[in-house]
């Protein structure tokens, strides 16, 4: 399964962005989906997951600011990011757990 992430960019602190992740084929609906991020010089960290059953979980650092959603009809996952902080700057990756598929990443830079 191939994943294509998009929606990153440069935003000022306090701003918002919405990331998208489109999956090829028809396997998207069979798997939980998540977002991870990797800041310069740091290891990749988990951000959020949308499980098959509908449960969502968030890292403490983004709880209350980020929201994950999915549209199985469009084979797409979204990450709505609000109240962005400079420490949110990273390359964001989507992940399809069942198939261990990763998107290519999209850069998010939060800076004034």
PDB file of N, CA and C in Angstrom:
ATOM      1  N   UNK A   1       0.856  -1.183   0.000  1.00  0.00           N
ATOM      2  CA  UNK A   1       0.000   0.000   0.000  1.00  0.00           C
ATOM      3  C   UNK A   1       0.896   1.238   0.000  1.00  0.00           C
ATOM      4  N   UNK A   2       0.679   2.120  -0.941  1.00  0.00           N
ATOM      5  CA  UNK A   2       1.456   3.359  -0.995  1.00  0.00           C
ATOM      6  C   UNK A   2       0.656   4.490  -0.364  1.00  0.00           C
ATOM      7  N   UNK A   3       1.368   5.324   0.379  1.00  0.00           N
ATOM      8  CA  UNK A   3       0.744   6.456   1.048  1.00  0.00           C
ATOM      9  C   UNK A   3       1.367   7.751   0.544  1.00  0.00           C
ATOM     10  N   UNK A   4       0.540   8.739   0.312  1.00  0.00           N
ATOM     11  CA  UNK A   4       1.002  10.042  -0.161  1.00  0.00           C
ATOM     12  C   UNK A   4       0.510  11.105   0.811  1.00  0.00           C
ATOM     13  N   UNK A   5       1.467  11.715   1.524  1.00  0.00           N
ATOM     14  CA  UNK A   5       1.124  12.759   2.485  1.00  0.00           C
ATOM     15  C   UNK A   5       1.309  14.132   1.859  1.00  0.00           C
ATOM     16  N   UNK A   6       0.483  15.061   2.266  1.00  0.00           N
ATOM     17  CA  UNK A   6       0.568  16.427   1.756  1.00  0.00           C
ATOM     18  C   UNK A   6      -0.026  17.393   2.775  1.00  0.00           C
ATOM     19  N   UNK A   7       0.136  18.689   2.509  1.00  0.00           N
ATOM     20  CA  UNK A   7      -0.492  19.697   3.342  1.00  0.00           C
ATOM     21  C   UNK A   7       0.450  20.446   4.256  1.00  0.00           C
ATOM     22  N   UNK A   8       1.704  20.054   4.284  1.00  0.00           N
ATOM     23  CA  UNK A   8       2.656  20.751   5.130  1.00  0.00           C
ATOM     24  C   UNK A   8       2.977  22.131   4.589  1.00  0.00           C
ATOM     25  N   UNK A   9       3.733  22.880   5.387  1.00  0.00           N
ATOM     26  CA  UNK A   9       4.117  24.220   4.962  1.00  0.00           C
ATOM     27  C   UNK A   9       4.663  25.020   6.114  1.00  0.00           C
ATOM     28  N   UNK A  10       4.817  26.310   5.865  1.00  0.00           N
ATOM     29  CA  UNK A  10       5.306  27.247   6.873  1.00  0.00           C
ATOM     30  C   UNK A  10       4.126  27.997   7.476  1.00  0.00           C
ATOM     31  N   UNK A  11       4.046  28.004   8.788  1.00  0.00           N
ATOM     32  CA  UNK A  11       2.940  28.670   9.468  1.00  0.00           C
ATOM     33  C   UNK A  11       3.481  29.372  10.712  1.00  0.00           C
ATOM     34  N   UNK A  12       2.846  30.463  11.069  1.00  0.00           N
ATOM     35  CA  UNK A  12       3.258  31.196  12.265  1.00  0.00           C
ATOM     36  C   UNK A  12       2.755  30.494  13.518  1.00  0.00           C
ATOM     37  N   UNK A  13       3.432  30.712  14.641  1.00  0.00           N
ATOM     38  CA  UNK A  13       2.935  30.143  15.902  1.00  0.00           C
ATOM     39  C   UNK A  13       1.484  30.555  16.143  1.00  0.00           C
ATOM     40  N   UNK A  14       0.704  29.586  16.607  1.00  0.00           N
ATOM     41  CA  UNK A  14      -0.718  29.829  16.812  1.00  0.00           C
ATOM     42  C   UNK A  14      -1.575  29.513  15.601  1.00  0.00           C
ATOM     43  N   UNK A  15      -0.939  29.261  14.487  1.00  0.00           N
ATOM     44  CA  UNK A  15      -1.667  28.980  13.262  1.00  0.00           C
ATOM     45  C   UNK A  15      -2.118  27.539  13.156  1.00  0.00           C
ATOM     46  N   UNK A  16      -2.718  27.219  12.005  1.00  0.00           N
ATOM     47  CA  UNK A  16      -3.277  25.885  11.774  1.00  0.00           C
ATOM     48  C   UNK A  16      -2.846  25.345  10.420  1.00  0.00           C
ATOM     49  N   UNK A  17      -2.807  24.039  10.348  1.00  0.00           N
ATOM     50  CA  UNK A  17      -2.581  23.333   9.100  1.00  0.00           C
ATOM     51  C   UNK A  17      -3.389  22.051   9.126  1.00  0.00           C
ATOM     52  N   UNK A  18      -3.747  21.565   7.943  1.00  0.00           N
ATOM     53  CA  UNK A  18      -4.381  20.252   7.841  1.00  0.00           C
ATOM     54  C   UNK A  18      -3.576  19.387   6.893  1.00  0.00           C
ATOM     55  N   UNK A  19      -3.106  18.281   7.406  1.00  0.00           N
ATOM     56  CA  UNK A  19      -2.363  17.318   6.602  1.00  0.00           C
ATOM     57  C   UNK A  19      -3.318  16.261   6.065  1.00  0.00           C
ATOM     58  N   UNK A  20      -2.991  15.750   4.888  1.00  0.00           N
ATOM     59  CA  UNK A  20      -3.763  14.665   4.279  1.00  0.00           C
ATOM     60  C   UNK A  20      -2.830  13.512   3.942  1.00  0.00           C
ATOM     61  N   UNK A  21      -3.387  12.317   3.969  1.00  0.00           N
ATOM     62  CA  UNK A  21      -2.630  11.118   3.618  1.00  0.00           C
ATOM     63  C   UNK A  21      -3.554  10.222   2.805  1.00  0.00           C
ATOM     64  N   UNK A  22      -3.235  10.056   1.530  1.00  0.00           N
ATOM     65  CA  UNK A  22      -4.059   9.253   0.635  1.00  0.00           C
ATOM     66  C   UNK A  22      -3.382   7.909   0.396  1.00  0.00           C
ATOM     67  N   UNK A  23      -4.155   6.845   0.534  1.00  0.00           N
ATOM     68  CA  UNK A  23      -3.635   5.491   0.329  1.00  0.00           C
ATOM     69  C   UNK A  23      -4.066   4.951  -1.025  1.00  0.00           C
ATOM     70  N   UNK A  24      -3.172   4.217  -1.650  1.00  0.00           N
ATOM     71  CA  UNK A  24      -3.511   3.575  -2.916  1.00  0.00           C
ATOM     72  C   UNK A  24      -4.299   2.296  -2.657  1.00  0.00           C
ATOM     73  N   UNK A  25      -5.030   1.851  -3.639  1.00  0.00           N
ATOM     74  CA  UNK A  25      -5.753   0.596  -3.518  1.00  0.00           C
ATOM     75  C   UNK A  25      -6.940   0.694  -2.576  1.00  0.00           C
ATOM     76  N   UNK A  26      -7.388  -0.454  -2.096  1.00  0.00           N
ATOM     77  CA  UNK A  26      -8.597  -0.489  -1.277  1.00  0.00           C
ATOM     78  C   UNK A  26      -8.362  -1.101   0.095  1.00  0.00           C
ATOM     79  N   UNK A  27      -7.109  -1.026   0.573  1.00  0.00           N
ATOM     80  CA  UNK A  27      -6.802  -1.652   1.860  1.00  0.00           C
ATOM     81  C   UNK A  27      -6.857  -0.677   3.020  1.00  0.00           C
ATOM     82  N   UNK A  28      -7.050   0.578   2.706  1.00  0.00           N
ATOM     83  CA  UNK A  28      -7.018   1.613   3.750  1.00  0.00           C
ATOM     84  C   UNK A  28      -7.989   1.302   4.880  1.00  0.00           C
ATOM     85  N   UNK A  29      -9.186   0.877   4.527  1.00  0.00           N
ATOM     86  CA  UNK A  29     -10.226   0.680   5.530  1.00  0.00           C
ATOM     87  C   UNK A  29      -9.968  -0.522   6.437  1.00  0.00           C
ATOM     88  N   UNK A  30      -8.978  -1.358   6.081  1.00  0.00           N
ATOM     89  CA  UNK A  30      -8.697  -2.558   6.870  1.00  0.00           C
ATOM     90  C   UNK A  30      -7.721  -2.313   8.010  1.00  0.00           C
ATOM     91  N   UNK A  31      -7.239  -1.103   8.145  1.00  0.00           N
ATOM     92  CA  UNK A  31      -6.130  -0.878   9.060  1.00  0.00           C
ATOM     93  C   UNK A  31      -6.323   0.366   9.903  1.00  0.00           C
ATOM     94  N   UNK A  32      -5.775   0.311  11.097  1.00  0.00           N
ATOM     95  CA  UNK A  32      -5.625   1.535  11.876  1.00  0.00           C
ATOM     96  C   UNK A  32      -4.603   2.429  11.177  1.00  0.00           C
ATOM     97  N   UNK A  33      -4.750   3.726  11.363  1.00  0.00           N
ATOM     98  CA  UNK A  33      -3.850   4.674  10.710  1.00  0.00           C
ATOM     99  C   UNK A  33      -3.316   5.654  11.751  1.00  0.00           C
ATOM    100  N   UNK A  34      -2.095   6.064  11.564  1.00  0.00           N
ATOM    101  CA  UNK A  34      -1.503   6.984  12.522  1.00  0.00           C
ATOM    102  C   UNK A  34      -0.621   8.022  11.861  1.00  0.00           C
ATOM    103  N   UNK A  35      -0.245   8.989  12.658  1.00  0.00           N
ATOM    104  CA  UNK A  35       0.714  10.005  12.227  1.00  0.00           C
ATOM    105  C   UNK A  35       1.897   9.991  13.187  1.00  0.00           C
ATOM    106  N   UNK A  36       3.070  10.155  12.633  1.00  0.00           N
ATOM    107  CA  UNK A  36       4.297  10.275  13.387  1.00  0.00           C
ATOM    108  C   UNK A  36       5.008  11.545  12.915  1.00  0.00           C
ATOM    109  N   UNK A  37       6.004  11.962  13.659  1.00  0.00           N
ATOM    110  CA  UNK A  37       6.792  13.114  13.215  1.00  0.00           C
ATOM    111  C   UNK A  37       8.234  12.945  13.641  1.00  0.00           C
ATOM    112  N   UNK A  38       9.110  13.603  12.893  1.00  0.00           N
ATOM    113  CA  UNK A  38      10.533  13.554  13.199  1.00  0.00           C
ATOM    114  C   UNK A  38      11.126  14.942  13.045  1.00  0.00           C
ATOM    115  N   UNK A  39      11.570  15.476  14.166  1.00  0.00           N
ATOM    116  CA  UNK A  39      12.212  16.786  14.162  1.00  0.00           C
ATOM    117  C   UNK A  39      13.697  16.617  13.856  1.00  0.00           C
ATOM    118  N   UNK A  40      14.367  17.659  13.386  1.00  0.00           N
ATOM    119  CA  UNK A  40      15.785  17.568  13.074  1.00  0.00           C
ATOM    120  C   UNK A  40      16.601  17.089  14.275  1.00  0.00           C
ATOM    121  N   UNK A  41      17.418  16.068  14.060  1.00  0.00           N
ATOM    122  CA  UNK A  41      18.282  15.567  15.122  1.00  0.00           C
ATOM    123  C   UNK A  41      17.590  14.708  16.163  1.00  0.00           C
ATOM    124  N   UNK A  42      16.318  14.407  15.944  1.00  0.00           N
ATOM    125  CA  UNK A  42      15.568  13.616  16.921  1.00  0.00           C
ATOM    126  C   UNK A  42      15.020  12.354  16.278  1.00  0.00           C
ATOM    127  N   UNK A  43      14.633  11.402  17.118  1.00  0.00           N
ATOM    128  CA  UNK A  43      14.046  10.169  16.606  1.00  0.00           C
ATOM    129  C   UNK A  43      12.588  10.424  16.233  1.00  0.00           C
ATOM    130  N   UNK A  44      12.086   9.580  15.354  1.00  0.00           N
ATOM    131  CA  UNK A  44      10.684   9.688  14.961  1.00  0.00           C
ATOM    132  C   UNK A  44       9.814   9.365  16.168  1.00  0.00           C
ATOM    133  N   UNK A  45       8.771  10.166  16.379  1.00  0.00           N
ATOM    134  CA  UNK A  45       7.883   9.955  17.522  1.00  0.00           C
ATOM    135  C   UNK A  45       6.444   9.819  17.052  1.00  0.00           C
ATOM    136  N   UNK A  46       5.714   9.045  17.798  1.00  0.00           N
ATOM    137  CA  UNK A  46       4.298   8.843  17.528  1.00  0.00           C
ATOM    138  C   UNK A  46       3.520  10.087  17.917  1.00  0.00           C
ATOM    139  N   UNK A  47       2.526  10.448  17.103  1.00  0.00           N
ATOM    140  CA  UNK A  47       1.688  11.614  17.367  1.00  0.00           C
ATOM    141  C   UNK A  47       0.258  11.203  17.698  1.00  0.00           C
ATOM    142  N   UNK A  48      -0.342  10.378  16.848  1.00  0.00           N
ATOM    143  CA  UNK A  48      -1.744  10.034  17.042  1.00  0.00           C
ATOM    144  C   UNK A  48      -2.112   8.803  16.233  1.00  0.00           C
ATOM    145  N   UNK A  49      -3.172   8.116  16.662  1.00  0.00           N
ATOM    146  CA  UNK A  49      -3.687   6.941  15.971  1.00  0.00           C
ATOM    147  C   UNK A  49      -5.206   7.004  15.902  1.00  0.00           C
ATOM    148  N   UNK A  50      -5.733   6.567  14.766  1.00  0.00           N
ATOM    149  CA  UNK A  50      -7.175   6.357  14.598  1.00  0.00           C
ATOM    150  C   UNK A  50      -7.359   4.867  14.379  1.00  0.00           C
ATOM    151  N   UNK A  51      -7.868   4.186  15.390  1.00  0.00           N
ATOM    152  CA  UNK A  51      -8.000   2.736  15.315  1.00  0.00           C
ATOM    153  C   UNK A  51      -9.201   2.329  14.470  1.00  0.00           C
ATOM    154  N   UNK A  52      -9.204   1.054  14.057  1.00  0.00           N
ATOM    155  CA  UNK A  52     -10.302   0.552  13.237  1.00  0.00           C
ATOM    156  C   UNK A  52     -11.647   0.712  13.931  1.00  0.00           C
ATOM    157  N   UNK A  53     -11.660   0.520  15.229  1.00  0.00           N
ATOM    158  CA  UNK A  53     -12.910   0.613  15.966  1.00  0.00           C
ATOM    159  C   UNK A  53     -13.391   2.033  16.196  1.00  0.00           C
ATOM    160  N   UNK A  54     -12.577   3.011  15.810  1.00  0.00           N
ATOM    161  CA  UNK A  54     -12.974   4.403  15.940  1.00  0.00           C
ATOM    162  C   UNK A  54     -12.301   5.149  17.078  1.00  0.00           C
ATOM    163  N   UNK A  55     -11.565   4.431  17.919  1.00  0.00           N
ATOM    164  CA  UNK A  55     -10.887   5.105  19.028  1.00  0.00           C
ATOM    165  C   UNK A  55      -9.709   5.926  18.508  1.00  0.00           C
ATOM    166  N   UNK A  56      -9.496   7.059  19.127  1.00  0.00           N
ATOM    167  CA  UNK A  56      -8.348   7.905  18.790  1.00  0.00           C
ATOM    168  C   UNK A  56      -7.496   8.126  20.037  1.00  0.00           C
ATOM    169  N   UNK A  57      -6.215   8.210  19.808  1.00  0.00           N
ATOM    170  CA  UNK A  57      -5.279   8.471  20.902  1.00  0.00           C
ATOM    171  C   UNK A  57      -4.262   9.500  20.445  1.00  0.00           C
ATOM    172  N   UNK A  58      -3.782  10.279  21.401  1.00  0.00           N
ATOM    173  CA  UNK A  58      -2.852  11.366  21.083  1.00  0.00           C
ATOM    174  C   UNK A  58      -1.690  11.393  22.062  1.00  0.00           C
ATOM    175  N   UNK A  59      -0.551  11.799  21.549  1.00  0.00           N
ATOM    176  CA  UNK A  59       0.572  12.079  22.430  1.00  0.00           C
ATOM    177  C   UNK A  59       0.211  13.274  23.309  1.00  0.00           C
ATOM    178  N   UNK A  60       0.725  13.277  24.509  1.00  0.00           N
ATOM    179  CA  UNK A  60       0.403  14.360  25.440  1.00  0.00           C
ATOM    180  C   UNK A  60       0.774  15.730  24.869  1.00  0.00           C
ATOM    181  N   UNK A  61       1.816  15.774  24.080  1.00  0.00           N
ATOM    182  CA  UNK A  61       2.307  17.040  23.557  1.00  0.00           C
ATOM    183  C   UNK A  61       1.350  17.692  22.564  1.00  0.00           C
ATOM    184  N   UNK A  62       0.421  16.916  21.991  1.00  0.00           N
ATOM    185  CA  UNK A  62      -0.487  17.478  20.987  1.00  0.00           C
ATOM    186  C   UNK A  62      -1.955  17.385  21.406  1.00  0.00           C
ATOM    187  N   UNK A  63      -2.209  16.752  22.526  1.00  0.00           N
ATOM    188  CA  UNK A  63      -3.587  16.545  22.976  1.00  0.00           C
ATOM    189  C   UNK A  63      -4.291  17.886  23.151  1.00  0.00           C
ATOM    190  N   UNK A  64      -5.489  17.964  22.588  1.00  0.00           N
ATOM    191  CA  UNK A  64      -6.259  19.190  22.674  1.00  0.00           C
ATOM    192  C   UNK A  64      -5.977  20.182  21.560  1.00  0.00           C
ATOM    193  N   UNK A  65      -4.927  19.933  20.782  1.00  0.00           N
ATOM    194  CA  UNK A  65      -4.575  20.835  19.683  1.00  0.00           C
ATOM    195  C   UNK A  65      -4.691  20.155  18.317  1.00  0.00           C
ATOM    196  N   UNK A  66      -4.409  18.865  18.274  1.00  0.00           N
ATOM    197  CA  UNK A  66      -4.444  18.111  17.016  1.00  0.00           C
ATOM    198  C   UNK A  66      -5.665  17.195  17.005  1.00  0.00           C
ATOM    199  N   UNK A  67      -6.157  16.914  15.815  1.00  0.00           N
ATOM    200  CA  UNK A  67      -7.285  15.994  15.668  1.00  0.00           C
ATOM    201  C   UNK A  67      -7.080  15.137  14.426  1.00  0.00           C
ATOM    202  N   UNK A  68      -7.148  13.830  14.612  1.00  0.00           N
ATOM    203  CA  UNK A  68      -7.030  12.897  13.488  1.00  0.00           C
ATOM    204  C   UNK A  68      -8.427  12.477  13.050  1.00  0.00           C
ATOM    205  N   UNK A  69      -8.578  12.302  11.751  1.00  0.00           N
ATOM    206  CA  UNK A  69      -9.834  11.795  11.211  1.00  0.00           C
ATOM    207  C   UNK A  69      -9.520  10.954   9.987  1.00  0.00           C
ATOM    208  N   UNK A  70     -10.539  10.232   9.510  1.00  0.00           N
ATOM    209  CA  UNK A  70     -10.329   9.410   8.329  1.00  0.00           C
ATOM    210  C   UNK A  70     -11.610   9.364   7.515  1.00  0.00           C
ATOM    211  N   UNK A  71     -11.440   9.210   6.213  1.00  0.00           N
ATOM    212  CA  UNK A  71     -12.555   9.066   5.286  1.00  0.00           C
ATOM    213  C   UNK A  71     -12.273   7.815   4.479  1.00  0.00           C
ATOM    214  N   UNK A  72     -12.881   6.711   4.867  1.00  0.00           N
ATOM    215  CA  UNK A  72     -12.590   5.443   4.191  1.00  0.00           C
ATOM    216  C   UNK A  72     -13.041   5.454   2.729  1.00  0.00           C
ATOM    217  N   UNK A  73     -14.068   6.211   2.427  1.00  0.00           N
ATOM    218  CA  UNK A  73     -14.544   6.274   1.040  1.00  0.00           C
ATOM    219  C   UNK A  73     -13.499   6.928   0.129  1.00  0.00           C
ATOM    220  N   UNK A  74     -12.680   7.792   0.712  1.00  0.00           N
ATOM    221  CA  UNK A  74     -11.636   8.475  -0.055  1.00  0.00           C
ATOM    222  C   UNK A  74     -10.240   7.912   0.229  1.00  0.00           C
ATOM    223  N   UNK A  75     -10.180   6.838   1.032  1.00  0.00           N
ATOM    224  CA  UNK A  75      -8.887   6.237   1.389  1.00  0.00           C
ATOM    225  C   UNK A  75      -7.926   7.288   1.941  1.00  0.00           C
ATOM    226  N   UNK A  76      -8.442   8.174   2.773  1.00  0.00           N
ATOM    227  CA  UNK A  76      -7.665   9.321   3.220  1.00  0.00           C
ATOM    228  C   UNK A  76      -7.745   9.510   4.734  1.00  0.00           C
ATOM    229  N   UNK A  77      -6.611   9.821   5.312  1.00  0.00           N
ATOM    230  CA  UNK A  77      -6.546  10.220   6.712  1.00  0.00           C
ATOM    231  C   UNK A  77      -6.140  11.683   6.765  1.00  0.00           C
ATOM    232  N   UNK A  78      -6.604  12.358   7.808  1.00  0.00           N
ATOM    233  CA  UNK A  78      -6.310  13.772   7.971  1.00  0.00           C
ATOM    234  C   UNK A  78      -5.720  14.020   9.354  1.00  0.00           C
ATOM    235  N   UNK A  79      -4.937  15.070   9.436  1.00  0.00           N
ATOM    236  CA  UNK A  79      -4.461  15.539  10.727  1.00  0.00           C
ATOM    237  C   UNK A  79      -4.667  17.048  10.776  1.00  0.00           C
ATOM    238  N   UNK A  80      -5.656  17.462  11.549  1.00  0.00           N
ATOM    239  CA  UNK A  80      -5.907  18.885  11.751  1.00  0.00           C
ATOM    240  C   UNK A  80      -5.040  19.359  12.908  1.00  0.00           C
ATOM    241  N   UNK A  81      -4.209  20.342  12.650  1.00  0.00           N
ATOM    242  CA  UNK A  81      -3.281  20.837  13.658  1.00  0.00           C
ATOM    243  C   UNK A  81      -3.592  22.298  13.945  1.00  0.00           C
ATOM    244  N   UNK A  82      -3.971  22.584  15.170  1.00  0.00           N
ATOM    245  CA  UNK A  82      -4.300  23.941  15.599  1.00  0.00           C
ATOM    246  C   UNK A  82      -3.328  24.398  16.681  1.00  0.00           C
ATOM    247  N   UNK A  83      -3.324  25.688  16.914  1.00  0.00           N
ATOM    248  CA  UNK A  83      -2.465  26.278  17.958  1.00  0.00           C
ATOM    249  C   UNK A  83      -1.032  25.763  17.842  1.00  0.00           C
ATOM    250  N   UNK A  84      -0.521  25.807  16.648  1.00  0.00           N
ATOM    251  CA  UNK A  84       0.808  25.247  16.391  1.00  0.00           C
ATOM    252  C   UNK A  84       1.890  26.012  17.138  1.00  0.00           C
ATOM    253  N   UNK A  85       2.895  25.253  17.557  1.00  0.00           N
ATOM    254  CA  UNK A  85       4.018  25.794  18.312  1.00  0.00           C
ATOM    255  C   UNK A  85       5.319  25.522  17.549  1.00  0.00           C
ATOM    256  N   UNK A  86       6.348  26.298  17.795  1.00  0.00           N
ATOM    257  CA  UNK A  86       7.625  26.030  17.118  1.00  0.00           C
ATOM    258  C   UNK A  86       8.111  24.593  17.330  1.00  0.00           C
ATOM    259  N   UNK A  87       7.823  24.019  18.485  1.00  0.00           N
ATOM    260  CA  UNK A  87       8.265  22.650  18.756  1.00  0.00           C
ATOM    261  C   UNK A  87       7.488  21.602  17.973  1.00  0.00           C
ATOM    262  N   UNK A  88       6.480  22.014  17.239  1.00  0.00           N
ATOM    263  CA  UNK A  88       5.761  21.095  16.349  1.00  0.00           C
ATOM    264  C   UNK A  88       6.474  20.962  15.003  1.00  0.00           C
ATOM    265  N   UNK A  89       7.499  21.757  14.795  1.00  0.00           N
ATOM    266  CA  UNK A  89       8.251  21.705  13.549  1.00  0.00           C
ATOM    267  C   UNK A  89       8.872  20.319  13.362  1.00  0.00           C
ATOM    268  N   UNK A  90       8.572  19.695  12.248  1.00  0.00           N
ATOM    269  CA  UNK A  90       9.042  18.327  11.986  1.00  0.00           C
ATOM    270  C   UNK A  90       8.567  17.891  10.608  1.00  0.00           C
ATOM    271  N   UNK A  91       9.090  16.759  10.164  1.00  0.00           N
ATOM    272  CA  UNK A  91       8.511  16.076   9.014  1.00  0.00           C
ATOM    273  C   UNK A  91       7.453  15.121   9.555  1.00  0.00           C
ATOM    274  N   UNK A  92       6.260  15.206   9.015  1.00  0.00           N
ATOM    275  CA  UNK A  92       5.144  14.394   9.480  1.00  0.00           C
ATOM    276  C   UNK A  92       4.907  13.232   8.508  1.00  0.00           C
ATOM    277  N   UNK A  93       4.757  12.040   9.086  1.00  0.00           N
ATOM    278  CA  UNK A  93       4.570  10.827   8.305  1.00  0.00           C
ATOM    279  C   UNK A  93       3.265  10.145   8.689  1.00  0.00           C
ATOM    280  N   UNK A  94       2.552   9.638   7.701  1.00  0.00           N
ATOM    281  CA  UNK A  94       1.401   8.802   8.003  1.00  0.00           C
ATOM    282  C   UNK A  94       1.817   7.341   7.923  1.00  0.00           C
ATOM    283  N   UNK A  95       1.078   6.511   8.653  1.00  0.00           N
ATOM    284  CA  UNK A  95       1.446   5.092   8.777  1.00  0.00           C
ATOM    285  C   UNK A  95       0.195   4.236   8.805  1.00  0.00           C
ATOM    286  N   UNK A  96       0.208   3.205   7.980  1.00  0.00           N
ATOM    287  CA  UNK A  96      -0.874   2.228   7.969  1.00  0.00           C
ATOM    288  C   UNK A  96      -0.351   0.998   8.709  1.00  0.00           C
ATOM    289  N   UNK A  97      -0.875   0.745   9.891  1.00  0.00           N
ATOM    290  CA  UNK A  97      -0.279  -0.229  10.795  1.00  0.00           C
ATOM    291  C   UNK A  97      -0.323  -1.661  10.252  1.00  0.00           C
ATOM    292  N   UNK A  98      -1.435  -2.090   9.729  1.00  0.00           N
ATOM    293  CA  UNK A  98      -1.580  -3.492   9.336  1.00  0.00           C
ATOM    294  C   UNK A  98      -0.567  -3.869   8.262  1.00  0.00           C
ATOM    295  N   UNK A  99      -0.242  -2.914   7.389  1.00  0.00           N
ATOM    296  CA  UNK A  99       0.650  -3.207   6.276  1.00  0.00           C
ATOM    297  C   UNK A  99       2.032  -2.590   6.474  1.00  0.00           C
ATOM    298  N   UNK A 100       2.227  -1.956   7.617  1.00  0.00           N
ATOM    299  CA  UNK A 100       3.492  -1.282   7.923  1.00  0.00           C
ATOM    300  C   UNK A 100       3.923  -0.394   6.751  1.00  0.00           C
ATOM    301  N   UNK A 101       2.988   0.372   6.250  1.00  0.00           N
ATOM    302  CA  UNK A 101       3.257   1.271   5.133  1.00  0.00           C
ATOM    303  C   UNK A 101       3.448   2.691   5.653  1.00  0.00           C
ATOM    304  N   UNK A 102       4.416   3.374   5.069  1.00  0.00           N
ATOM    305  CA  UNK A 102       4.726   4.751   5.472  1.00  0.00           C
ATOM    306  C   UNK A 102       4.610   5.681   4.270  1.00  0.00           C
ATOM    307  N   UNK A 103       4.097   6.878   4.534  1.00  0.00           N
ATOM    308  CA  UNK A 103       4.123   7.914   3.516  1.00  0.00           C
ATOM    309  C   UNK A 103       5.504   8.529   3.442  1.00  0.00           C
ATOM    310  N   UNK A 104       5.707   9.397   2.460  1.00  0.00           N
ATOM    311  CA  UNK A 104       7.024   9.976   2.231  1.00  0.00           C
ATOM    312  C   UNK A 104       7.330  11.145   3.158  1.00  0.00           C
ATOM    313  N   UNK A 105       6.351  11.618   3.884  1.00  0.00           N
ATOM    314  CA  UNK A 105       6.563  12.716   4.811  1.00  0.00           C
ATOM    315  C   UNK A 105       6.248  14.070   4.206  1.00  0.00           C
ATOM    316  N   UNK A 106       5.764  14.966   5.039  1.00  0.00           N
ATOM    317  CA  UNK A 106       5.492  16.334   4.619  1.00  0.00           C
ATOM    318  C   UNK A 106       6.022  17.274   5.705  1.00  0.00           C
ATOM    319  N   UNK A 107       6.735  18.299   5.280  1.00  0.00           N
ATOM    320  CA  UNK A 107       7.424  19.191   6.224  1.00  0.00           C
ATOM    321  C   UNK A 107       6.451  20.220   6.799  1.00  0.00           C
ATOM    322  N   UNK A 108       6.475  20.331   8.110  1.00  0.00           N
ATOM    323  CA  UNK A 108       5.722  21.373   8.809  1.00  0.00           C
ATOM    324  C   UNK A 108       6.729  22.238   9.556  1.00  0.00           C
ATOM    325  N   UNK A 109       6.707  23.528   9.284  1.00  0.00           N
ATOM    326  CA  UNK A 109       7.603  24.465   9.946  1.00  0.00           C
ATOM    327  C   UNK A 109       6.774  25.548  10.612  1.00  0.00           C
ATOM    328  N   UNK A 110       6.957  25.692  11.914  1.00  0.00           N
ATOM    329  CA  UNK A 110       6.233  26.694  12.682  1.00  0.00           C
ATOM    330  C   UNK A 110       7.245  27.745  13.138  1.00  0.00           C
ATOM    331  N   UNK A 111       7.117  28.916  12.560  1.00  0.00           N
ATOM    332  CA  UNK A 111       8.097  29.959  12.831  1.00  0.00           C
ATOM    333  C   UNK A 111       7.510  31.323  12.504  1.00  0.00           C
ATOM    334  N   UNK A 112       7.951  32.318  13.245  1.00  0.00           N
ATOM    335  CA  UNK A 112       7.533  33.689  12.964  1.00  0.00           C
ATOM    336  C   UNK A 112       8.557  34.378  12.067  1.00  0.00           C
TER     337      UNK A 112
END
